Protein backbone atom coordinates (compact mmCIF):
# COMPACT_ATOMS: atom_id res chain seq x y z
CA MET A 1 0.00 0.00 0.00
CA TYR A 2 1.27 3.44 -0.88
CA ALA A 3 -0.04 6.98 -1.17
CA ILE A 4 0.93 10.16 -2.97
CA VAL A 5 0.85 12.97 -0.42
CA GLU A 6 1.45 16.70 -0.76
CA ILE A 7 3.71 18.12 1.94
CA GLN A 8 4.48 21.85 1.85
CA GLY A 9 3.84 22.11 -1.88
CA GLN A 10 5.82 19.01 -2.93
CA GLN A 11 4.48 15.56 -3.75
CA PHE A 12 5.97 12.45 -2.18
CA LYS A 13 5.32 8.72 -2.49
CA ALA A 14 4.65 7.45 1.04
CA GLU A 15 4.91 3.82 2.14
CA ALA A 16 4.74 2.58 5.73
CA GLY A 17 8.16 2.17 7.35
CA LYS A 18 10.02 4.36 4.82
CA PHE A 19 11.90 7.62 5.45
CA LEU A 20 11.18 10.94 3.77
CA TYR A 21 13.24 14.11 3.68
CA VAL A 22 10.73 16.97 3.61
CA HIS A 23 11.29 20.72 3.82
CA TYR A 24 12.10 21.90 7.34
CA LEU A 25 8.99 21.63 9.52
CA GLY A 26 10.04 24.40 11.91
CA ASP A 27 11.28 24.74 15.46
CA GLU A 28 7.99 23.61 17.01
CA LYS A 29 8.44 19.99 15.81
CA LYS A 30 10.64 17.94 18.15
CA GLU A 31 12.20 14.49 17.74
CA GLY A 32 9.71 11.65 18.30
CA GLU A 33 6.66 13.88 17.77
CA THR A 34 3.92 12.63 15.44
CA VAL A 35 2.83 14.68 12.43
CA GLU A 36 -0.25 14.08 10.25
CA PHE A 37 -0.50 15.09 6.60
CA ASP A 38 -4.04 15.06 5.22
CA ARG A 39 -3.45 16.29 1.64
CA VAL A 40 -3.46 12.77 0.15
CA LEU A 41 -3.83 12.90 -3.63
CA LEU A 42 -3.83 9.15 -4.43
CA VAL A 43 -4.10 5.90 -2.48
CA ASP A 44 -3.20 2.46 -3.87
CA ALA A 45 -4.29 -0.42 -1.62
CA ASP A 46 -3.14 -3.61 -3.40
CA GLY A 47 -4.47 -2.62 -6.82
CA ASP A 48 -7.50 -0.68 -5.57
CA VAL A 49 -6.61 2.88 -6.64
CA LYS A 50 -8.47 5.90 -5.28
CA VAL A 51 -7.71 9.23 -6.94
CA GLY A 52 -8.83 12.38 -5.16
CA ALA A 53 -10.42 15.43 -6.69
CA PRO A 54 -8.27 17.19 -5.42
CA THR A 55 -7.75 15.04 -2.29
CA VAL A 56 -9.00 11.66 -1.06
CA GLU A 57 -11.63 12.12 1.65
CA GLY A 58 -10.67 10.73 5.08
CA ALA A 59 -7.16 9.70 4.03
CA LYS A 60 -4.09 10.82 5.93
CA VAL A 61 -0.46 9.90 6.46
CA VAL A 62 0.81 9.60 10.03
CA CYS A 63 4.55 10.26 10.44
CA GLU A 64 7.04 10.53 13.27
CA VAL A 65 9.82 13.11 13.22
CA ALA A 66 13.09 11.15 13.28
CA VAL A 67 15.51 14.09 12.93
CA PRO A 68 14.04 17.61 13.11
CA LEU A 69 16.88 19.37 11.25
CA VAL A 70 19.07 17.86 8.53
CA LYS A 71 21.17 20.11 6.32
CA GLY A 72 21.52 19.20 2.66
CA ASP A 73 24.61 19.29 0.46
CA LYS A 74 26.27 22.63 -0.13
CA VAL A 75 25.46 24.32 -3.43
CA ILE A 76 27.92 26.91 -4.70
CA VAL A 77 26.52 29.90 -6.59
CA PHE A 78 29.25 31.68 -8.57
CA LYS A 79 28.58 34.71 -10.76
CA LYS A 80 31.17 36.25 -13.03
CA LYS A 81 31.35 38.73 -15.87
CA ARG A 82 34.48 38.41 -17.91
CA ARG A 83 36.87 41.35 -18.26
CA LYS A 84 34.82 43.43 -15.80
CA GLY A 85 36.33 42.41 -12.46
CA TYR A 86 32.93 41.19 -11.23
CA ARG A 87 32.94 37.96 -9.19
CA ARG A 88 30.50 36.83 -6.51
CA LYS A 89 30.68 33.53 -4.67
CA ASN A 90 27.84 32.38 -2.43
CA GLY A 91 27.01 29.06 -0.78
CA HIS A 92 23.70 27.57 0.30
CA ARG A 93 22.62 24.53 2.34
CA GLN A 94 18.92 23.63 2.33
CA CYS A 95 17.29 22.59 5.62
CA PHE A 96 15.23 19.38 5.73
CA SER A 97 13.41 17.29 8.31
CA LYS A 98 13.68 13.50 8.28
CA VAL A 99 10.36 11.76 9.00
CA VAL A 100 9.51 8.07 9.17
CA ILE A 101 6.06 7.02 7.96
CA LYS A 102 4.18 5.07 10.60
CA GLU A 103 0.85 4.34 8.89
CA LEU A 104 -1.40 5.23 5.99
CA VAL A 105 -5.06 5.76 6.85
CA ALA A 106 -7.32 5.42 3.79
C-alpha cells in the first residue's frame, strides 16, 4: 500500500516504514513527535486505486519526526562577468526534516 501525499507544496510517495526528507517543519516539531499530513492525492491499496479530486476524503499519512533538522549538500553559486572584475561567490545549504512514515489511513 502506498499513497501520494502533498507536503508543503511538494508531492511524495509514502509507504509505511520508509523515510522521507521533507522541507524543514520548523522549530515547534521535536524528535519523536507525530505529524499528520491530510493532503493525500492518491491511495493504492493492493491494486484498488483511489484518486482524489483534489484530495481523497478521510485519508491521511501519520509520520514521526526522526531528525528535526538535517542540512543538505552545499550548493555553490558563482557569478562572473568576464573582463569586468565582477565575481560573486555564495554558498547555500537547504534545511530538511527526516520523517519516518508510521501508517497510511485510507
